[in-house]
Amino acid sequence: MIPLAELRSFARGAAGLVAREREVAQFEVYCASAEHRVARLNYTSDIPSRGVEEMKSLHTDGFQVRIAMRRNRHEAGTAFEASDLSLDAVRSALERARRSAVIDPHFPGFASSPRKLSAGPAPASDLARAGDGVLAACAWQAVAGALRAFTSGEPAASAHPGLVVGGDISVTRDRIAIANSNFADIRCDDSAHFSCSVTALIESLDAKGTASALGGSVAAMRRASTTLGRDAVRRALQLRHGVRPASGTYRVVLGPQPVAEILNYMVMGSLTTGAFFAASSAYQGRFGSRRRHCRTRR
């Protein structure tokens, strides 16, 4: 990851370059460096498996420039650049932001806060120093907890129960620096958090259970890993031989997750000019129509 001091220096240099543009009234430069490290669970009872796959990691760096034009305070443009934190890249992004500027009557301008940030830095999470060994140990704890819960939870009499334990334990680290024409200083942050998700599938019982957790410390990640596998298997056992509703028309109330997925994968992607030009929008030919029912089929 890029050191925080280097991000701060880049943000200051980029802000100085953008501030010299006479056409720009306000601006914001956001730069970031992130690291995502994942331990993926992969246990199957009926075929050979590794249990835990080798560690995987993803590193990303980049910045974004947002500007508001002097000729109209509601005219704003945005451009970004990945993997290149240089002044030449800032000049290129600034030109693209200028070309992409559009007038938005609802644009309120950039953040403006007269208050100073607290002098003392926030305590850093120990996840920022956690190595792959900690991730691997937590992943094996989750698998072990799932197996203990399965063997003690009245498993199916079948010689092939079809237990599948999947999911991942990951640590995400973020470093950011923000320069704003309304701020006298460069705002920075360095944080880390973990996310765990375990899914247990018991094919002989036609049952599935999940468990997940979030946190900001190594101790919390270790506590979560000892219970997630167990909870996922127990929930699957409780749902054994579930009953499916018959095909038909039902009134349903969707929870937050399915609503978010519908918005992300159907609504937002369909509301672009590109989707309409390609005739791939979910709303193609449906102007004025209204869907009232959701039909399910087995």
Protein backbone atom coordinates (compact mmCIF):
# COMPACT_ATOMS: atom_id res chain seq x y z
CA MET A 1 0.00 0.00 0.00
CA ILE A 2 1.04 3.60 -0.55
CA PRO A 3 2.15 5.26 2.71
CA LEU A 4 -0.23 7.85 4.13
CA ALA A 5 2.46 10.55 3.99
CA GLU A 6 2.83 9.95 0.24
CA LEU A 7 -0.93 10.20 -0.29
CA ARG A 8 -1.00 13.46 1.67
CA SER A 9 1.86 14.86 -0.40
CA PHE A 10 0.15 13.89 -3.66
CA ALA A 11 -3.15 15.46 -2.57
CA ARG A 12 -1.37 18.70 -1.66
CA GLY A 13 0.48 18.82 -5.00
CA ALA A 14 -2.66 18.00 -6.99
CA ALA A 15 -4.64 20.66 -5.13
CA GLY A 16 -1.97 23.24 -5.93
CA LEU A 17 -2.13 22.35 -9.62
CA VAL A 18 -5.95 22.50 -9.82
CA ALA A 19 -6.07 25.74 -7.80
CA ARG A 20 -4.13 27.52 -10.56
CA GLU A 21 -6.90 26.91 -13.09
CA ARG A 22 -8.80 30.19 -13.56
CA GLU A 23 -11.93 28.47 -14.88
CA VAL A 24 -12.31 26.39 -11.70
CA ALA A 25 -14.14 27.99 -8.76
CA GLN A 26 -14.11 25.00 -6.37
CA PHE A 27 -12.50 21.59 -6.45
CA GLU A 28 -11.92 18.40 -4.52
CA VAL A 29 -9.13 15.85 -4.91
CA TYR A 30 -9.68 12.42 -3.37
CA CYS A 31 -6.87 9.87 -3.46
CA ALA A 32 -6.85 6.41 -1.94
CA SER A 33 -4.86 3.22 -1.54
CA ALA A 34 -6.57 -0.02 -0.57
CA GLU A 35 -5.65 -3.63 0.11
CA HIS A 36 -8.06 -6.56 0.28
CA ARG A 37 -6.77 -9.90 1.60
CA VAL A 38 -9.00 -12.98 1.51
CA ALA A 39 -8.93 -16.47 2.96
CA ARG A 40 -11.59 -18.51 1.13
CA LEU A 41 -13.29 -21.53 2.72
CA ASN A 42 -13.72 -24.59 0.52
CA TYR A 43 -14.67 -27.76 2.41
CA THR A 44 -16.69 -30.65 0.95
CA SER A 45 -17.35 -33.89 2.82
CA ASP A 46 -17.86 -36.18 -0.17
CA ILE A 47 -14.99 -35.18 -2.46
CA PRO A 48 -11.37 -34.25 -1.65
CA SER A 49 -10.96 -30.57 -0.83
CA ARG A 50 -8.39 -28.20 0.63
CA GLY A 51 -10.65 -26.87 3.37
CA VAL A 52 -9.03 -23.44 3.08
CA GLU A 53 -7.63 -22.10 -0.17
CA GLU A 54 -4.35 -20.20 -0.37
CA MET A 55 -4.46 -16.49 0.48
CA LYS A 56 -5.50 -14.03 -2.21
CA SER A 57 -4.96 -10.28 -2.27
CA LEU A 58 -6.01 -7.27 -4.30
CA HIS A 59 -4.28 -3.88 -4.27
CA THR A 60 -5.80 -0.73 -5.75
CA ASP A 61 -4.60 2.89 -5.89
CA GLY A 62 -6.03 5.94 -7.59
CA PHE A 63 -7.54 9.38 -7.32
CA GLN A 64 -10.56 11.41 -8.38
CA VAL A 65 -10.84 15.09 -9.29
CA ARG A 66 -14.11 16.97 -8.96
CA ILE A 67 -14.45 20.57 -10.11
CA ALA A 68 -17.10 23.30 -10.17
CA MET A 69 -16.77 25.89 -12.91
CA ARG A 70 -16.55 29.61 -12.21
CA ARG A 71 -19.01 30.62 -14.96
CA ASN A 72 -21.80 28.64 -13.28
CA ARG A 73 -21.58 27.33 -9.72
CA HIS A 74 -23.92 24.44 -10.64
CA GLU A 75 -21.67 23.25 -13.48
CA ALA A 76 -19.55 20.35 -12.19
CA GLY A 77 -17.34 17.69 -13.70
CA THR A 78 -15.60 14.56 -12.46
CA ALA A 79 -12.74 12.39 -13.67
CA PHE A 80 -10.62 9.68 -12.08
CA GLU A 81 -7.39 7.81 -12.67
CA ALA A 82 -6.32 4.37 -11.42
CA SER A 83 -2.80 3.26 -10.50
CA ASP A 84 -1.10 6.51 -11.53
CA LEU A 85 -0.52 9.12 -8.84
CA SER A 86 1.46 11.71 -10.76
CA LEU A 87 0.95 15.36 -11.70
CA ASP A 88 0.73 14.38 -15.37
CA ALA A 89 -2.18 12.12 -14.48
CA VAL A 90 -3.77 15.02 -12.56
CA ARG A 91 -3.49 17.27 -15.63
CA SER A 92 -5.11 14.58 -17.78
CA ALA A 93 -7.92 13.99 -15.25
CA LEU A 94 -8.51 17.74 -14.92
CA GLU A 95 -8.94 18.10 -18.67
CA ARG A 96 -11.39 15.17 -18.75
CA ALA A 97 -13.32 16.63 -15.80
CA ARG A 98 -13.58 19.94 -17.65
CA ARG A 99 -14.89 18.22 -20.79
CA SER A 100 -17.43 16.16 -18.83
CA ALA A 101 -18.83 19.10 -16.84
CA VAL A 102 -22.61 19.39 -16.89
CA ILE A 103 -25.01 21.83 -15.26
CA ASP A 104 -26.84 20.27 -12.34
CA PRO A 105 -29.30 22.73 -10.73
CA HIS A 106 -29.33 20.61 -7.57
CA PHE A 107 -25.53 20.56 -7.11
CA PRO A 108 -24.93 22.16 -3.66
CA GLY A 109 -21.21 22.68 -4.00
CA PHE A 110 -18.40 20.92 -2.16
CA ALA A 111 -18.21 20.33 1.56
CA SER A 112 -17.39 23.36 3.66
CA SER A 113 -16.68 22.99 7.36
CA PRO A 114 -15.14 25.71 9.54
CA ARG A 115 -14.38 23.21 12.30
CA LYS A 116 -10.92 21.75 12.64
CA LEU A 117 -10.42 18.05 13.10
CA SER A 118 -9.30 16.85 16.51
CA ALA A 119 -5.56 17.12 17.00
CA GLY A 120 -5.10 13.54 18.21
CA PRO A 121 -5.18 10.84 15.51
CA ALA A 122 -7.68 8.03 15.81
CA PRO A 123 -6.18 4.81 17.21
CA ALA A 124 -5.08 2.50 14.39
CA SER A 125 -6.66 -0.95 14.18
CA ASP A 126 -4.33 -3.89 14.83
CA LEU A 127 -5.79 -5.45 11.67
CA ALA A 128 -3.43 -3.17 9.74
CA ARG A 129 -0.54 -5.30 11.02
CA ALA A 130 -2.23 -8.71 10.85
CA GLY A 131 -0.49 -11.15 8.52
CA ASP A 132 -1.75 -14.05 6.43
CA GLY A 133 -1.15 -16.42 9.35
CA VAL A 134 -3.91 -14.76 11.38
CA LEU A 135 -6.32 -14.97 8.44
CA ALA A 136 -5.51 -18.64 7.82
CA ALA A 137 -5.92 -19.54 11.50
CA CYS A 138 -9.33 -17.85 11.64
CA ALA A 139 -10.43 -19.62 8.46
CA TRP A 140 -9.48 -23.03 9.88
CA GLN A 141 -11.32 -22.17 13.11
CA ALA A 142 -14.48 -21.51 11.09
CA VAL A 143 -14.18 -24.85 9.27
CA ALA A 144 -13.47 -26.72 12.51
CA GLY A 145 -16.48 -25.13 14.20
CA ALA A 146 -18.70 -26.16 11.30
CA LEU A 147 -17.51 -29.79 11.47
CA ARG A 148 -18.01 -30.00 15.24
CA ALA A 149 -21.54 -28.64 14.92
CA PHE A 150 -22.35 -31.08 12.13
CA THR A 151 -21.09 -34.21 13.91
CA SER A 152 -22.91 -33.29 17.12
CA GLY A 153 -26.12 -32.09 15.51
CA GLU A 154 -27.80 -35.35 14.50
CA PRO A 155 -26.49 -35.56 10.93
CA ALA A 156 -28.29 -37.55 8.31
CA ALA A 157 -27.86 -41.30 8.39
CA SER A 158 -26.71 -41.28 4.79
CA ALA A 159 -23.09 -42.26 4.16
CA HIS A 160 -22.90 -39.23 1.89
CA PRO A 161 -24.36 -36.27 3.83
CA GLY A 162 -23.08 -33.78 1.26
CA LEU A 163 -21.79 -31.16 3.67
CA VAL A 164 -20.36 -28.13 1.90
CA VAL A 165 -18.81 -25.24 3.82
CA GLY A 166 -17.98 -22.12 1.82
CA GLY A 167 -17.44 -18.44 2.38
CA ASP A 168 -14.49 -16.22 3.16
CA ILE A 169 -12.72 -14.25 5.85
CA SER A 170 -11.22 -11.03 4.54
CA VAL A 171 -9.39 -7.96 5.80
CA THR A 172 -9.73 -4.63 4.02
CA ARG A 173 -7.31 -1.75 4.62
CA ASP A 174 -8.01 1.76 3.36
CA ARG A 175 -5.89 4.89 3.31
CA ILE A 176 -7.33 8.12 1.95
CA ALA A 177 -6.38 11.78 1.64
CA ILE A 178 -8.78 14.56 0.62
CA ALA A 179 -7.88 18.07 -0.52
CA ASN A 180 -10.75 20.53 -0.80
CA SER A 181 -10.67 24.15 -1.89
CA ASN A 182 -12.80 24.96 1.18
CA PHE A 183 -10.40 23.27 3.63
CA ALA A 184 -7.18 24.74 4.93
CA ASP A 185 -5.67 21.30 5.58
CA ILE A 186 -5.45 17.86 3.97
CA ARG A 187 -7.93 15.42 5.55
CA CYS A 188 -6.52 11.88 5.97
CA ASP A 189 -7.66 8.56 7.35
CA ASP A 190 -6.12 5.11 7.77
CA SER A 191 -8.47 2.30 8.73
CA ALA A 192 -8.91 -1.47 8.59
CA HIS A 193 -11.81 -3.84 9.12
CA PHE A 194 -12.68 -7.49 8.60
CA SER A 195 -15.72 -9.21 7.14
CA CYS A 196 -16.61 -12.89 7.51
CA SER A 197 -19.28 -14.88 5.74
CA VAL A 198 -19.84 -18.64 6.07
CA THR A 199 -22.43 -20.73 4.22
CA ALA A 200 -23.16 -24.35 5.11
CA LEU A 201 -25.01 -26.57 2.64
CA ILE A 202 -26.22 -30.06 3.62
CA GLU A 203 -27.31 -31.69 0.39
CA SER A 204 -28.80 -34.83 1.99
CA LEU A 205 -31.16 -32.63 4.02
CA ASP A 206 -31.75 -30.08 1.24
CA ALA A 207 -30.83 -27.37 3.74
CA LYS A 208 -28.64 -24.29 3.82
CA GLY A 209 -27.61 -21.86 6.55
CA THR A 210 -25.47 -18.73 6.63
CA ALA A 211 -23.71 -16.56 9.20
CA SER A 212 -21.71 -13.35 8.88
CA ALA A 213 -19.84 -10.81 10.99
CA LEU A 214 -18.01 -7.48 10.73
CA GLY A 215 -15.47 -5.92 13.03
CA GLY A 216 -12.43 -3.75 13.47
CA SER A 217 -9.90 -5.76 15.50
CA VAL A 218 -8.01 -9.05 15.44
CA ALA A 219 -9.67 -10.14 18.70
CA ALA A 220 -13.14 -9.60 17.22
CA MET A 221 -12.18 -11.54 14.09
CA ARG A 222 -10.96 -14.48 16.17
CA ARG A 223 -14.16 -14.49 18.23
CA ALA A 224 -16.28 -14.42 15.10
CA SER A 225 -14.37 -17.23 13.41
CA THR A 226 -15.00 -19.57 16.35
CA THR A 227 -18.78 -19.19 16.06
CA LEU A 228 -19.61 -18.52 12.40
CA GLY A 229 -19.09 -22.06 11.11
CA ARG A 230 -21.03 -23.51 14.02
CA ASP A 231 -23.92 -21.06 13.57
CA ALA A 232 -24.13 -21.67 9.81
CA VAL A 233 -24.38 -25.46 10.27
CA ARG A 234 -26.89 -25.18 13.11
CA ARG A 235 -29.13 -22.96 11.02
CA ALA A 236 -28.91 -25.43 8.15
CA LEU A 237 -29.90 -28.29 10.47
CA GLN A 238 -32.86 -26.29 11.72
CA LEU A 239 -34.04 -25.81 8.14
CA ARG A 240 -33.80 -29.47 7.13
CA HIS A 241 -36.37 -30.70 4.64
CA GLY A 242 -37.95 -27.30 4.21
CA VAL A 243 -41.28 -26.87 2.43
CA ARG A 244 -41.42 -24.88 -0.80
CA PRO A 245 -44.51 -22.86 -1.72
CA ALA A 246 -46.48 -23.97 -4.74
CA SER A 247 -46.31 -22.03 -7.99
CA GLY A 248 -48.62 -19.06 -8.07
CA THR A 249 -49.04 -15.34 -7.48
CA TYR A 250 -48.17 -13.99 -4.02
CA ARG A 251 -47.94 -10.65 -2.27
CA VAL A 252 -44.41 -10.37 -0.88
CA VAL A 253 -42.41 -7.97 1.28
CA LEU A 254 -38.75 -7.88 0.27
CA GLY A 255 -35.96 -7.33 2.78
CA PRO A 256 -33.05 -4.87 2.42
CA GLN A 257 -30.71 -7.29 0.62
CA PRO A 258 -33.00 -8.30 -2.27
CA VAL A 259 -34.11 -4.68 -2.69
CA ALA A 260 -30.45 -3.59 -2.90
CA GLU A 261 -29.68 -6.27 -5.49
CA ILE A 262 -32.71 -5.36 -7.61
CA LEU A 263 -31.68 -1.69 -7.57
CA ASN A 264 -28.04 -2.49 -8.32
CA TYR A 265 -28.42 -5.12 -11.02
CA MET A 266 -31.68 -4.10 -12.69
CA VAL A 267 -32.81 -0.56 -11.95
CA MET A 268 -29.55 1.43 -11.98
CA GLY A 269 -28.12 -0.35 -15.01
CA SER A 270 -31.37 0.15 -16.91
CA LEU A 271 -31.50 3.90 -16.34
CA THR A 272 -28.61 4.76 -18.62
CA THR A 273 -28.78 6.11 -22.15
CA GLY A 274 -26.46 3.28 -23.23
CA ALA A 275 -28.97 0.68 -22.03
CA PHE A 276 -31.78 2.33 -24.00
CA PHE A 277 -29.70 2.70 -27.15
CA ALA A 278 -28.76 -1.00 -26.87
CA ALA A 279 -32.42 -1.91 -26.15
CA SER A 280 -31.21 -3.83 -23.08
CA SER A 281 -33.01 -1.80 -20.43
CA ALA A 282 -35.50 -3.62 -18.20
CA TYR A 283 -37.88 -0.73 -18.91
CA GLN A 284 -37.70 -0.99 -22.71
CA GLY A 285 -41.21 -0.64 -24.09
CA ARG A 286 -42.75 -0.39 -20.62
CA PHE A 287 -43.27 3.36 -20.36
CA GLY A 288 -46.43 4.01 -18.34
CA SER A 289 -46.92 0.36 -17.31
CA ARG A 290 -46.99 -0.85 -13.71
CA ARG A 291 -46.20 -4.32 -12.34
CA ARG A 292 -48.39 -5.29 -9.39
CA HIS A 293 -47.57 -8.93 -8.74
CA CYS A 294 -44.56 -11.19 -8.42
CA ARG A 295 -45.03 -14.67 -9.88
CA THR A 296 -42.91 -17.54 -8.56
CA ARG A 297 -42.38 -20.86 -10.30
CA ARG A 298 -40.89 -24.07 -9.02
